[in-house]
């Protein structure tokens, strides 16, 4: 990417030449990265209005960049560049790494990126700890309280391929979750459409909405069952926000420790028994390597605090499945 024009304090037209590194990326995603501080609504407005031009012609938000394209970006008043001097560099347990891809085992309680009241997250800390890295971008998201495998692209082409695999549901993503209640079936498909909404307090939530929601599909396999709890493996075929949490709660099996959709009285009791977080862990991931296309199988064991709680259940309740 090459910027042309003077860098002054007043907003001015920018002309950007696309290089091989950015080729293949959608124009809307490219602008969100280049125009730091610009809200999404502004990006899509200038695209719809034709103020953004590629090779002097109008394009829509789905246009994919080609090396050598010249992009005209209209004058924008953007927020000041974020000060990253306060972000502590941090490395996380590595599940897999090569020149194109990084997979880490994210701990619970850490956001994947800054925003919504969080000043920094995993990606900012990784960038700070790896100043020599030219490219580090999240391939997907995990909720702050969810632990487990998180994929990060180290090259633009690898990130694009990972996004394609996610869009095509070509990744086999499986989570381990502990739910309240006795899960009845060895294998069960859950197909419940989901929609997002805001609470009166402005917090993001998700609900089942079979008429207006987006199609969502989870496959639940029973791993172990006790008198009052069940350990299940959940394979997600779609990646909707809070999908696992909402699907299981809607069927009457809230996740242990879930502070948004769970059983709050139960959560309080569980804290006294040693479970102080939501029991949801991204445990395994199978995919084709985004560059070599070789099969890749990744696994992250249950964190100590979750494994200890399973041991507590074994000691206090009799298991009648999977023991």
C-alpha atoms as a PDB file:
ATOM      1  CA  UNK A   1       0.000   0.000   0.000  1.00  0.00           C
ATOM      2  CA  UNK A   2       1.409   3.382  -1.028  1.00  0.00           C
ATOM      3  CA  UNK A   3      -0.120   6.682   0.080  1.00  0.00           C
ATOM      4  CA  UNK A   4       0.158   9.723  -2.154  1.00  0.00           C
ATOM      5  CA  UNK A   5      -0.285  13.310  -1.070  1.00  0.00           C
ATOM      6  CA  UNK A   6       0.813  15.478   1.836  1.00  0.00           C
ATOM      7  CA  UNK A   7       0.129  14.475   5.411  1.00  0.00           C
ATOM      8  CA  UNK A   8      -1.396  17.601   6.946  1.00  0.00           C
ATOM      9  CA  UNK A   9      -3.609  18.166   9.964  1.00  0.00           C
ATOM     10  CA  UNK A  10      -6.536  19.191   7.746  1.00  0.00           C
ATOM     11  CA  UNK A  11      -8.462  16.366   6.053  1.00  0.00           C
ATOM     12  CA  UNK A  12      -7.460  15.899   2.422  1.00  0.00           C
ATOM     13  CA  UNK A  13      -8.088  13.512  -0.438  1.00  0.00           C
ATOM     14  CA  UNK A  14      -5.897  10.417  -0.224  1.00  0.00           C
ATOM     15  CA  UNK A  15      -4.818   8.353  -3.204  1.00  0.00           C
ATOM     16  CA  UNK A  16      -3.718   4.823  -2.362  1.00  0.00           C
ATOM     17  CA  UNK A  17      -1.949   2.424  -4.709  1.00  0.00           C
ATOM     18  CA  UNK A  18      -2.782  -1.226  -3.977  1.00  0.00           C
ATOM     19  CA  UNK A  19       0.172  -3.609  -3.756  1.00  0.00           C
ATOM     20  CA  UNK A  20       0.301  -7.411  -3.795  1.00  0.00           C
ATOM     21  CA  UNK A  21      -0.071  -7.559  -0.007  1.00  0.00           C
ATOM     22  CA  UNK A  22      -3.553  -5.989  -0.153  1.00  0.00           C
ATOM     23  CA  UNK A  23      -4.738  -7.573  -3.403  1.00  0.00           C
ATOM     24  CA  UNK A  24      -7.864  -9.683  -3.033  1.00  0.00           C
ATOM     25  CA  UNK A  25      -9.233  -7.803  -0.030  1.00  0.00           C
ATOM     26  CA  UNK A  26     -12.727  -6.311  -0.133  1.00  0.00           C
ATOM     27  CA  UNK A  27     -12.764  -2.538  -0.412  1.00  0.00           C
ATOM     28  CA  UNK A  28     -14.935  -2.066   2.711  1.00  0.00           C
ATOM     29  CA  UNK A  29     -12.580  -4.127   4.881  1.00  0.00           C
ATOM     30  CA  UNK A  30      -9.572  -2.318   3.390  1.00  0.00           C
ATOM     31  CA  UNK A  31     -11.049   1.096   4.200  1.00  0.00           C
ATOM     32  CA  UNK A  32     -11.854   0.091   7.786  1.00  0.00           C
ATOM     33  CA  UNK A  33      -8.218  -0.804   8.262  1.00  0.00           C
ATOM     34  CA  UNK A  34      -6.757   2.228   6.506  1.00  0.00           C
ATOM     35  CA  UNK A  35      -9.181   4.815   7.873  1.00  0.00           C
ATOM     36  CA  UNK A  36      -8.410   4.275  11.549  1.00  0.00           C
ATOM     37  CA  UNK A  37     -11.050   5.885  13.767  1.00  0.00           C
ATOM     38  CA  UNK A  38     -13.737   6.039  11.089  1.00  0.00           C
ATOM     39  CA  UNK A  39     -17.021   4.360  12.116  1.00  0.00           C
ATOM     40  CA  UNK A  40     -18.438   1.633   9.890  1.00  0.00           C
ATOM     41  CA  UNK A  41     -21.456   3.802   9.091  1.00  0.00           C
ATOM     42  CA  UNK A  42     -19.163   6.437   7.577  1.00  0.00           C
ATOM     43  CA  UNK A  43     -17.218   3.881   5.524  1.00  0.00           C
ATOM     44  CA  UNK A  44     -20.399   2.472   3.979  1.00  0.00           C
ATOM     45  CA  UNK A  45     -21.840   5.956   3.418  1.00  0.00           C
ATOM     46  CA  UNK A  46     -18.859   7.124   1.352  1.00  0.00           C
ATOM     47  CA  UNK A  47     -18.954   3.872  -0.610  1.00  0.00           C
ATOM     48  CA  UNK A  48     -22.683   4.214  -1.370  1.00  0.00           C
ATOM     49  CA  UNK A  49     -22.322   7.875  -2.325  1.00  0.00           C
ATOM     50  CA  UNK A  50     -19.534   7.171  -4.801  1.00  0.00           C
ATOM     51  CA  UNK A  51     -17.001   9.350  -2.959  1.00  0.00           C
ATOM     52  CA  UNK A  52     -14.617   6.389  -2.961  1.00  0.00           C
ATOM     53  CA  UNK A  53     -13.316   5.697  -6.449  1.00  0.00           C
ATOM     54  CA  UNK A  54     -11.125   2.901  -7.796  1.00  0.00           C
ATOM     55  CA  UNK A  55      -9.276   3.763 -10.986  1.00  0.00           C
ATOM     56  CA  UNK A  56     -11.602   6.806 -11.218  1.00  0.00           C
ATOM     57  CA  UNK A  57     -14.699   4.615 -11.311  1.00  0.00           C
ATOM     58  CA  UNK A  58     -17.444   3.908  -8.802  1.00  0.00           C
ATOM     59  CA  UNK A  59     -17.465   0.547  -7.037  1.00  0.00           C
ATOM     60  CA  UNK A  60     -19.630  -1.091  -4.397  1.00  0.00           C
ATOM     61  CA  UNK A  61     -18.630  -2.494  -1.016  1.00  0.00           C
ATOM     62  CA  UNK A  62     -18.040  -6.016  -2.372  1.00  0.00           C
ATOM     63  CA  UNK A  63     -15.334  -4.976  -4.861  1.00  0.00           C
ATOM     64  CA  UNK A  64     -12.079  -6.918  -4.357  1.00  0.00           C
ATOM     65  CA  UNK A  65      -8.853  -5.021  -4.828  1.00  0.00           C
ATOM     66  CA  UNK A  66      -6.358  -5.795  -7.585  1.00  0.00           C
ATOM     67  CA  UNK A  67      -2.657  -5.001  -7.383  1.00  0.00           C
ATOM     68  CA  UNK A  68      -2.078  -1.656  -9.097  1.00  0.00           C
ATOM     69  CA  UNK A  69      -5.552  -0.255  -8.343  1.00  0.00           C
ATOM     70  CA  UNK A  70      -5.605   3.430  -7.424  1.00  0.00           C
ATOM     71  CA  UNK A  71      -8.097   4.206  -4.674  1.00  0.00           C
ATOM     72  CA  UNK A  72      -9.411   7.708  -4.070  1.00  0.00           C
ATOM     73  CA  UNK A  73     -10.456   8.246  -0.452  1.00  0.00           C
ATOM     74  CA  UNK A  74     -12.355  11.498   0.261  1.00  0.00           C
ATOM     75  CA  UNK A  75     -11.359  13.865   3.097  1.00  0.00           C
ATOM     76  CA  UNK A  76     -12.302  12.341   6.455  1.00  0.00           C
ATOM     77  CA  UNK A  77     -11.988  13.730   9.937  1.00  0.00           C
ATOM     78  CA  UNK A  78     -10.782  10.741  11.940  1.00  0.00           C
ATOM     79  CA  UNK A  79     -10.089  10.155  15.587  1.00  0.00           C
ATOM     80  CA  UNK A  80      -6.486  10.569  16.680  1.00  0.00           C
ATOM     81  CA  UNK A  81      -4.385   7.445  16.294  1.00  0.00           C
ATOM     82  CA  UNK A  82      -4.677   5.330  19.410  1.00  0.00           C
ATOM     83  CA  UNK A  83      -1.806   5.613  21.860  1.00  0.00           C
ATOM     84  CA  UNK A  84      -0.456   2.091  22.302  1.00  0.00           C
ATOM     85  CA  UNK A  85       2.321   3.044  24.714  1.00  0.00           C
ATOM     86  CA  UNK A  86       0.199   1.822  27.653  1.00  0.00           C
ATOM     87  CA  UNK A  87      -0.467  -1.611  26.099  1.00  0.00           C
ATOM     88  CA  UNK A  88       1.678  -4.256  27.798  1.00  0.00           C
ATOM     89  CA  UNK A  89       3.265  -6.717  25.390  1.00  0.00           C
ATOM     90  CA  UNK A  90       2.172 -10.255  26.116  1.00  0.00           C
ATOM     91  CA  UNK A  91       2.648 -13.661  24.565  1.00  0.00           C
ATOM     92  CA  UNK A  92       0.043 -16.404  24.905  1.00  0.00           C
ATOM     93  CA  UNK A  93       0.408 -20.207  24.854  1.00  0.00           C
ATOM     94  CA  UNK A  94       1.064 -21.196  21.233  1.00  0.00           C
ATOM     95  CA  UNK A  95      -0.902 -24.125  19.814  1.00  0.00           C
ATOM     96  CA  UNK A  96       0.565 -23.786  16.315  1.00  0.00           C
ATOM     97  CA  UNK A  97       2.710 -21.273  14.453  1.00  0.00           C
ATOM     98  CA  UNK A  98       4.412 -20.952  11.086  1.00  0.00           C
ATOM     99  CA  UNK A  99       5.127 -18.085   8.701  1.00  0.00           C
ATOM    100  CA  UNK A 100       1.437 -17.649   7.763  1.00  0.00           C
ATOM    101  CA  UNK A 101      -0.642 -18.629  10.783  1.00  0.00           C
ATOM    102  CA  UNK A 102      -0.615 -18.313  14.554  1.00  0.00           C
ATOM    103  CA  UNK A 103      -2.989 -20.276  16.796  1.00  0.00           C
ATOM    104  CA  UNK A 104      -2.961 -19.461  20.506  1.00  0.00           C
ATOM    105  CA  UNK A 105      -4.741 -20.835  23.559  1.00  0.00           C
ATOM    106  CA  UNK A 106      -6.550 -17.725  24.789  1.00  0.00           C
ATOM    107  CA  UNK A 107      -7.208 -17.568  28.539  1.00  0.00           C
ATOM    108  CA  UNK A 108     -10.634 -16.618  29.888  1.00  0.00           C
ATOM    109  CA  UNK A 109     -11.135 -13.032  30.976  1.00  0.00           C
ATOM    110  CA  UNK A 110      -9.105 -11.521  28.131  1.00  0.00           C
ATOM    111  CA  UNK A 111     -10.857  -9.730  25.255  1.00  0.00           C
ATOM    112  CA  UNK A 112      -9.611 -10.528  21.757  1.00  0.00           C
ATOM    113  CA  UNK A 113      -9.388  -6.812  20.895  1.00  0.00           C
ATOM    114  CA  UNK A 114      -9.920  -3.390  22.449  1.00  0.00           C
ATOM    115  CA  UNK A 115     -13.293  -1.627  22.369  1.00  0.00           C
ATOM    116  CA  UNK A 116     -16.590  -1.532  24.284  1.00  0.00           C
ATOM    117  CA  UNK A 117     -14.927  -0.355  27.468  1.00  0.00           C
ATOM    118  CA  UNK A 118     -11.807  -2.505  27.018  1.00  0.00           C
ATOM    119  CA  UNK A 119      -8.691  -0.485  26.183  1.00  0.00           C
ATOM    120  CA  UNK A 120      -6.758  -3.400  24.682  1.00  0.00           C
ATOM    121  CA  UNK A 121      -7.001  -7.114  24.042  1.00  0.00           C
ATOM    122  CA  UNK A 122      -5.090 -10.124  22.722  1.00  0.00           C
ATOM    123  CA  UNK A 123      -4.294  -8.678  19.303  1.00  0.00           C
ATOM    124  CA  UNK A 124      -2.958  -5.372  20.656  1.00  0.00           C
ATOM    125  CA  UNK A 125      -0.805  -7.176  23.208  1.00  0.00           C
ATOM    126  CA  UNK A 126       0.591  -9.540  20.575  1.00  0.00           C
ATOM    127  CA  UNK A 127       1.462  -6.639  18.278  1.00  0.00           C
ATOM    128  CA  UNK A 128       3.192  -4.874  21.146  1.00  0.00           C
ATOM    129  CA  UNK A 129       5.218  -7.976  22.040  1.00  0.00           C
ATOM    130  CA  UNK A 130       6.153  -8.617  18.387  1.00  0.00           C
ATOM    131  CA  UNK A 131       7.208  -5.228  16.991  1.00  0.00           C
ATOM    132  CA  UNK A 132       8.995  -6.950  14.112  1.00  0.00           C
ATOM    133  CA  UNK A 133       5.733  -8.524  12.861  1.00  0.00           C
ATOM    134  CA  UNK A 134       4.450  -6.672   9.790  1.00  0.00           C
ATOM    135  CA  UNK A 135       0.993  -8.242   9.884  1.00  0.00           C
ATOM    136  CA  UNK A 136      -1.084  -9.707  12.716  1.00  0.00           C
ATOM    137  CA  UNK A 137      -4.860  -9.812  12.316  1.00  0.00           C
ATOM    138  CA  UNK A 138      -7.622 -11.777  14.053  1.00  0.00           C
ATOM    139  CA  UNK A 139      -9.221 -14.417  11.834  1.00  0.00           C
ATOM    140  CA  UNK A 140     -12.264 -14.765  14.106  1.00  0.00           C
ATOM    141  CA  UNK A 141     -13.486 -13.893  17.602  1.00  0.00           C
ATOM    142  CA  UNK A 142     -13.984 -15.555  20.970  1.00  0.00           C
ATOM    143  CA  UNK A 143     -16.079 -14.082  23.774  1.00  0.00           C
ATOM    144  CA  UNK A 144     -14.041 -12.519  26.540  1.00  0.00           C
ATOM    145  CA  UNK A 145     -14.971 -15.260  29.033  1.00  0.00           C
ATOM    146  CA  UNK A 146     -14.391 -18.100  26.555  1.00  0.00           C
ATOM    147  CA  UNK A 147     -10.983 -19.759  26.561  1.00  0.00           C
ATOM    148  CA  UNK A 148      -9.326 -21.822  23.866  1.00  0.00           C
ATOM    149  CA  UNK A 149      -8.062 -21.785  20.291  1.00  0.00           C
ATOM    150  CA  UNK A 150      -7.885 -18.401  18.566  1.00  0.00           C
ATOM    151  CA  UNK A 151      -6.579 -18.047  14.997  1.00  0.00           C
ATOM    152  CA  UNK A 152      -4.475 -15.072  13.875  1.00  0.00           C
ATOM    153  CA  UNK A 153      -3.307 -14.427  10.331  1.00  0.00           C
ATOM    154  CA  UNK A 154       0.335 -13.462   9.848  1.00  0.00           C
ATOM    155  CA  UNK A 155      -0.071 -12.815   6.121  1.00  0.00           C
ATOM    156  CA  UNK A 156      -2.861 -11.091   4.195  1.00  0.00           C
ATOM    157  CA  UNK A 157      -3.357 -14.057   1.855  1.00  0.00           C
ATOM    158  CA  UNK A 158      -3.610 -16.485   4.791  1.00  0.00           C
ATOM    159  CA  UNK A 159      -6.142 -14.252   6.557  1.00  0.00           C
ATOM    160  CA  UNK A 160      -8.280 -14.010   3.428  1.00  0.00           C
ATOM    161  CA  UNK A 161      -8.239 -17.791   3.037  1.00  0.00           C
ATOM    162  CA  UNK A 162      -9.208 -18.265   6.691  1.00  0.00           C
ATOM    163  CA  UNK A 163     -12.132 -15.884   6.213  1.00  0.00           C
ATOM    164  CA  UNK A 164     -13.189 -17.872   3.138  1.00  0.00           C
ATOM    165  CA  UNK A 165     -13.057 -21.127   5.117  1.00  0.00           C
ATOM    166  CA  UNK A 166     -15.124 -19.597   7.903  1.00  0.00           C
ATOM    167  CA  UNK A 167     -17.696 -18.241   5.449  1.00  0.00           C
ATOM    168  CA  UNK A 168     -17.931 -21.656   3.787  1.00  0.00           C
ATOM    169  CA  UNK A 169     -18.268 -23.417   7.187  1.00  0.00           C
ATOM    170  CA  UNK A 170     -15.184 -25.441   6.213  1.00  0.00           C
ATOM    171  CA  UNK A 171     -13.648 -25.335   9.697  1.00  0.00           C
ATOM    172  CA  UNK A 172     -14.526 -28.055  12.204  1.00  0.00           C
ATOM    173  CA  UNK A 173     -14.760 -25.989  15.410  1.00  0.00           C
ATOM    174  CA  UNK A 174     -15.634 -27.789  18.652  1.00  0.00           C
ATOM    175  CA  UNK A 175     -16.158 -26.445  22.156  1.00  0.00           C
ATOM    176  CA  UNK A 176     -16.497 -28.106  25.543  1.00  0.00           C
ATOM    177  CA  UNK A 177     -19.296 -26.730  27.704  1.00  0.00           C
ATOM    178  CA  UNK A 178     -20.703 -27.663  31.099  1.00  0.00           C
ATOM    179  CA  UNK A 179     -24.465 -27.176  31.331  1.00  0.00           C
ATOM    180  CA  UNK A 180     -26.912 -27.307  34.192  1.00  0.00           C
ATOM    181  CA  UNK A 181     -29.192 -30.325  33.876  1.00  0.00           C
ATOM    182  CA  UNK A 182     -29.043 -33.821  32.409  1.00  0.00           C
ATOM    183  CA  UNK A 183     -28.512 -33.609  28.645  1.00  0.00           C
ATOM    184  CA  UNK A 184     -30.683 -36.399  27.227  1.00  0.00           C
ATOM    185  CA  UNK A 185     -29.273 -37.361  23.821  1.00  0.00           C
ATOM    186  CA  UNK A 186     -25.889 -38.729  22.704  1.00  0.00           C
ATOM    187  CA  UNK A 187     -26.079 -36.473  19.609  1.00  0.00           C
ATOM    188  CA  UNK A 188     -28.508 -33.647  18.947  1.00  0.00           C
ATOM    189  CA  UNK A 189     -28.727 -31.058  16.165  1.00  0.00           C
ATOM    190  CA  UNK A 190     -29.951 -27.603  17.186  1.00  0.00           C
ATOM    191  CA  UNK A 191     -31.280 -25.403  14.401  1.00  0.00           C
ATOM    192  CA  UNK A 192     -32.643 -22.203  15.893  1.00  0.00           C
ATOM    193  CA  UNK A 193     -32.450 -18.830  14.130  1.00  0.00           C
ATOM    194  CA  UNK A 194     -30.827 -16.051  16.158  1.00  0.00           C
ATOM    195  CA  UNK A 195     -31.137 -12.283  16.183  1.00  0.00           C
ATOM    196  CA  UNK A 196     -29.131  -9.580  17.949  1.00  0.00           C
ATOM    197  CA  UNK A 197     -30.633  -6.741  19.969  1.00  0.00           C
ATOM    198  CA  UNK A 198     -29.680  -4.126  22.554  1.00  0.00           C
ATOM    199  CA  UNK A 199     -30.972  -4.069  26.124  1.00  0.00           C
ATOM    200  CA  UNK A 200     -32.327  -0.871  27.669  1.00  0.00           C
ATOM    201  CA  UNK A 201     -28.860  -0.400  29.159  1.00  0.00           C
ATOM    202  CA  UNK A 202     -27.285  -0.594  25.695  1.00  0.00           C
ATOM    203  CA  UNK A 203     -25.734  -4.060  26.132  1.00  0.00           C
ATOM    204  CA  UNK A 204     -25.607  -6.476  23.217  1.00  0.00           C
ATOM    205  CA  UNK A 205     -27.723  -9.609  23.534  1.00  0.00           C
ATOM    206  CA  UNK A 206     -28.901 -12.437  21.298  1.00  0.00           C
ATOM    207  CA  UNK A 207     -32.247 -14.241  21.249  1.00  0.00           C
ATOM    208  CA  UNK A 208     -33.941 -17.029  19.316  1.00  0.00           C
ATOM    209  CA  UNK A 209     -36.064 -15.527  16.539  1.00  0.00           C
ATOM    210  CA  UNK A 210     -37.380 -18.082  14.084  1.00  0.00           C
ATOM    211  CA  UNK A 211     -39.080 -15.455  11.890  1.00  0.00           C
ATOM    212  CA  UNK A 212     -36.512 -12.686  11.588  1.00  0.00           C
ATOM    213  CA  UNK A 213     -33.296 -14.278  12.839  1.00  0.00           C
ATOM    214  CA  UNK A 214     -30.305 -15.709  10.971  1.00  0.00           C
ATOM    215  CA  UNK A 215     -30.091 -19.478  10.486  1.00  0.00           C
ATOM    216  CA  UNK A 216     -27.872 -21.068  13.156  1.00  0.00           C
ATOM    217  CA  UNK A 217     -26.807 -24.689  13.547  1.00  0.00           C
ATOM    218  CA  UNK A 218     -25.058 -26.393  16.473  1.00  0.00           C
ATOM    219  CA  UNK A 219     -24.376 -30.117  16.958  1.00  0.00           C
ATOM    220  CA  UNK A 220     -24.247 -31.226  20.595  1.00  0.00           C
ATOM    221  CA  UNK A 221     -22.600 -34.471  21.681  1.00  0.00           C
ATOM    222  CA  UNK A 222     -22.849 -35.749  25.239  1.00  0.00           C
ATOM    223  CA  UNK A 223     -19.417 -36.377  26.766  1.00  0.00           C
ATOM    224  CA  UNK A 224     -20.231 -36.982  30.431  1.00  0.00           C
ATOM    225  CA  UNK A 225     -23.271 -36.653  32.660  1.00  0.00           C
ATOM    226  CA  UNK A 226     -23.728 -36.376  36.412  1.00  0.00           C
ATOM    227  CA  UNK A 227     -26.779 -36.001  38.624  1.00  0.00           C
ATOM    228  CA  UNK A 228     -27.143 -32.257  38.030  1.00  0.00           C
ATOM    229  CA  UNK A 229     -24.714 -31.360  35.233  1.00  0.00           C
ATOM    230  CA  UNK A 230     -23.630 -32.484  31.782  1.00  0.00           C
ATOM    231  CA  UNK A 231     -20.365 -31.995  29.908  1.00  0.00           C
ATOM    232  CA  UNK A 232     -21.078 -31.614  26.191  1.00  0.00           C
ATOM    233  CA  UNK A 233     -19.051 -31.059  23.048  1.00  0.00           C
ATOM    234  CA  UNK A 234     -20.601 -28.484  20.721  1.00  0.00           C
ATOM    235  CA  UNK A 235     -19.660 -28.344  17.053  1.00  0.00           C
ATOM    236  CA  UNK A 236     -20.744 -25.082  15.465  1.00  0.00           C
ATOM    237  CA  UNK A 237     -21.720 -25.138  11.795  1.00  0.00           C
ATOM    238  CA  UNK A 238     -22.457 -21.394  11.854  1.00  0.00           C
ATOM    239  CA  UNK A 239     -20.616 -18.759  13.858  1.00  0.00           C
ATOM    240  CA  UNK A 240     -23.321 -16.469  15.226  1.00  0.00           C
ATOM    241  CA  UNK A 241     -22.653 -14.235  18.212  1.00  0.00           C
ATOM    242  CA  UNK A 242     -23.250 -16.114  21.508  1.00  0.00           C
ATOM    243  CA  UNK A 243     -24.627 -19.039  19.471  1.00  0.00           C
ATOM    244  CA  UNK A 244     -23.730 -21.852  21.868  1.00  0.00           C
ATOM    245  CA  UNK A 245     -24.842 -19.949  24.944  1.00  0.00           C
ATOM    246  CA  UNK A 246     -28.229 -18.992  23.516  1.00  0.00           C
ATOM    247  CA  UNK A 247     -28.962 -22.346  21.866  1.00  0.00           C
ATOM    248  CA  UNK A 248     -28.302 -24.320  25.056  1.00  0.00           C
ATOM    249  CA  UNK A 249     -30.082 -21.872  27.357  1.00  0.00           C
ATOM    250  CA  UNK A 250     -33.140 -21.795  25.089  1.00  0.00           C
ATOM    251  CA  UNK A 251     -33.427 -25.581  25.447  1.00  0.00           C
ATOM    252  CA  UNK A 252     -33.248 -25.317  29.238  1.00  0.00           C
ATOM    253  CA  UNK A 253     -29.554 -26.127  29.695  1.00  0.00           C
ATOM    254  CA  UNK A 254     -27.754 -22.880  30.623  1.00  0.00           C
ATOM    255  CA  UNK A 255     -23.969 -22.859  30.692  1.00  0.00           C
ATOM    256  CA  UNK A 256     -22.428 -23.025  34.150  1.00  0.00           C
ATOM    257  CA  UNK A 257     -21.082 -19.596  35.049  1.00  0.00           C
ATOM    258  CA  UNK A 258     -22.711 -17.720  32.153  1.00  0.00           C
ATOM    259  CA  UNK A 259     -23.376 -14.204  33.455  1.00  0.00           C
ATOM    260  CA  UNK A 260     -25.497 -13.112  30.465  1.00  0.00           C
ATOM    261  CA  UNK A 261     -27.880 -15.987  29.763  1.00  0.00           C
ATOM    262  CA  UNK A 262     -27.288 -18.381  32.649  1.00  0.00           C
ATOM    263  CA  UNK A 263     -28.899 -19.293  35.966  1.00  0.00           C
ATOM    264  CA  UNK A 264     -27.645 -16.481  38.196  1.00  0.00           C
ATOM    265  CA  UNK A 265     -28.511 -18.150  41.508  1.00  0.00           C
ATOM    266  CA  UNK A 266     -26.723 -21.306  40.378  1.00  0.00           C
ATOM    267  CA  UNK A 267     -23.703 -19.282  39.253  1.00  0.00           C
ATOM    268  CA  UNK A 268     -23.409 -17.776  42.727  1.00  0.00           C
ATOM    269  CA  UNK A 269     -23.441 -21.245  44.287  1.00  0.00           C
ATOM    270  CA  UNK A 270     -20.894 -22.506  41.746  1.00  0.00           C
ATOM    271  CA  UNK A 271     -18.477 -19.739  42.675  1.00  0.00           C
ATOM    272  CA  UNK A 272     -18.448 -21.086  46.226  1.00  0.00           C
ATOM    273  CA  UNK A 273     -17.649 -24.537  44.795  1.00  0.00           C
ATOM    274  CA  UNK A 274     -14.686 -23.198  42.847  1.00  0.00           C
ATOM    275  CA  UNK A 275     -16.086 -22.346  39.388  1.00  0.00           C
ATOM    276  CA  UNK A 276     -15.524 -18.612  39.022  1.00  0.00           C
ATOM    277  CA  UNK A 277     -15.889 -18.317  35.221  1.00  0.00           C
ATOM    278  CA  UNK A 278     -18.108 -19.481  32.385  1.00  0.00           C
ATOM    279  CA  UNK A 279     -17.458 -23.106  31.449  1.00  0.00           C
ATOM    280  CA  UNK A 280     -16.947 -22.752  27.703  1.00  0.00           C
ATOM    281  CA  UNK A 281     -13.683 -23.711  26.016  1.00  0.00           C
ATOM    282  CA  UNK A 282     -12.724 -23.790  22.313  1.00  0.00           C
ATOM    283  CA  UNK A 283     -11.074 -27.194  22.533  1.00  0.00           C
ATOM    284  CA  UNK A 284     -10.354 -28.334  18.973  1.00  0.00           C
ATOM    285  CA  UNK A 285     -10.167 -27.076  15.428  1.00  0.00           C
ATOM    286  CA  UNK A 286      -9.644 -28.928  12.146  1.00  0.00           C
ATOM    287  CA  UNK A 287      -8.952 -27.051   8.926  1.00  0.00           C
ATOM    288  CA  UNK A 288      -6.963 -27.005   5.737  1.00  0.00           C
ATOM    289  CA  UNK A 289      -3.833 -24.909   6.182  1.00  0.00           C
ATOM    290  CA  UNK A 290      -4.593 -21.523   4.556  1.00  0.00           C
ATOM    291  CA  UNK A 291      -1.433 -21.628   2.420  1.00  0.00           C
ATOM    292  CA  UNK A 292      -0.341 -25.255   1.946  1.00  0.00           C
ATOM    293  CA  UNK A 293      -3.863 -26.732   2.111  1.00  0.00           C
ATOM    294  CA  UNK A 294      -2.464 -29.558   4.250  1.00  0.00           C
ATOM    295  CA  UNK A 295      -4.870 -30.886   6.934  1.00  0.00           C
ATOM    296  CA  UNK A 296      -4.276 -29.249  10.290  1.00  0.00           C
ATOM    297  CA  UNK A 297      -5.659 -30.495  13.621  1.00  0.00           C
ATOM    298  CA  UNK A 298      -5.342 -28.211  16.641  1.00  0.00           C
ATOM    299  CA  UNK A 299      -6.237 -28.955  20.249  1.00  0.00           C
ATOM    300  CA  UNK A 300      -6.175 -27.043  23.525  1.00  0.00           C
ATOM    301  CA  UNK A 301      -6.716 -28.963  26.788  1.00  0.00           C
ATOM    302  CA  UNK A 302      -9.210 -27.821  29.396  1.00  0.00           C
ATOM    303  CA  UNK A 303      -7.728 -25.032  31.531  1.00  0.00           C
ATOM    304  CA  UNK A 304      -6.796 -26.024  35.066  1.00  0.00           C
ATOM    305  CA  UNK A 305      -9.780 -24.281  36.669  1.00  0.00           C
ATOM    306  CA  UNK A 306     -12.253 -26.152  34.438  1.00  0.00           C
ATOM    307  CA  UNK A 307     -10.512 -29.512  34.774  1.00  0.00           C
ATOM    308  CA  UNK A 308     -10.506 -29.047  38.551  1.00  0.00           C
ATOM    309  CA  UNK A 309     -14.256 -28.442  38.563  1.00  0.00           C
ATOM    310  CA  UNK A 310     -14.867 -31.612  36.546  1.00  0.00           C
ATOM    311  CA  UNK A 311     -12.798 -33.457  39.162  1.00  0.00           C
ATOM    312  CA  UNK A 312     -14.943 -31.824  41.856  1.00  0.00           C
ATOM    313  CA  UNK A 313     -18.099 -33.136  40.157  1.00  0.00           C
ATOM    314  CA  UNK A 314     -16.584 -36.623  39.944  1.00  0.00           C
ATOM    315  CA  UNK A 315     -15.911 -36.468  43.684  1.00  0.00           C
ATOM    316  CA  UNK A 316     -19.351 -35.179  44.692  1.00  0.00           C
ATOM    317  CA  UNK A 317     -21.801 -36.558  42.107  1.00  0.00           C
ATOM    318  CA  UNK A 318     -22.052 -39.975  40.508  1.00  0.00           C
ATOM    319  CA  UNK A 319     -21.545 -39.968  36.756  1.00  0.00           C
ATOM    320  CA  UNK A 320     -23.974 -42.135  34.772  1.00  0.00           C
ATOM    321  CA  UNK A 321     -22.616 -41.454  31.283  1.00  0.00           C
ATOM    322  CA  UNK A 322     -19.085 -41.347  29.944  1.00  0.00           C
ATOM    323  CA  UNK A 323     -17.475 -42.330  33.238  1.00  0.00           C
END
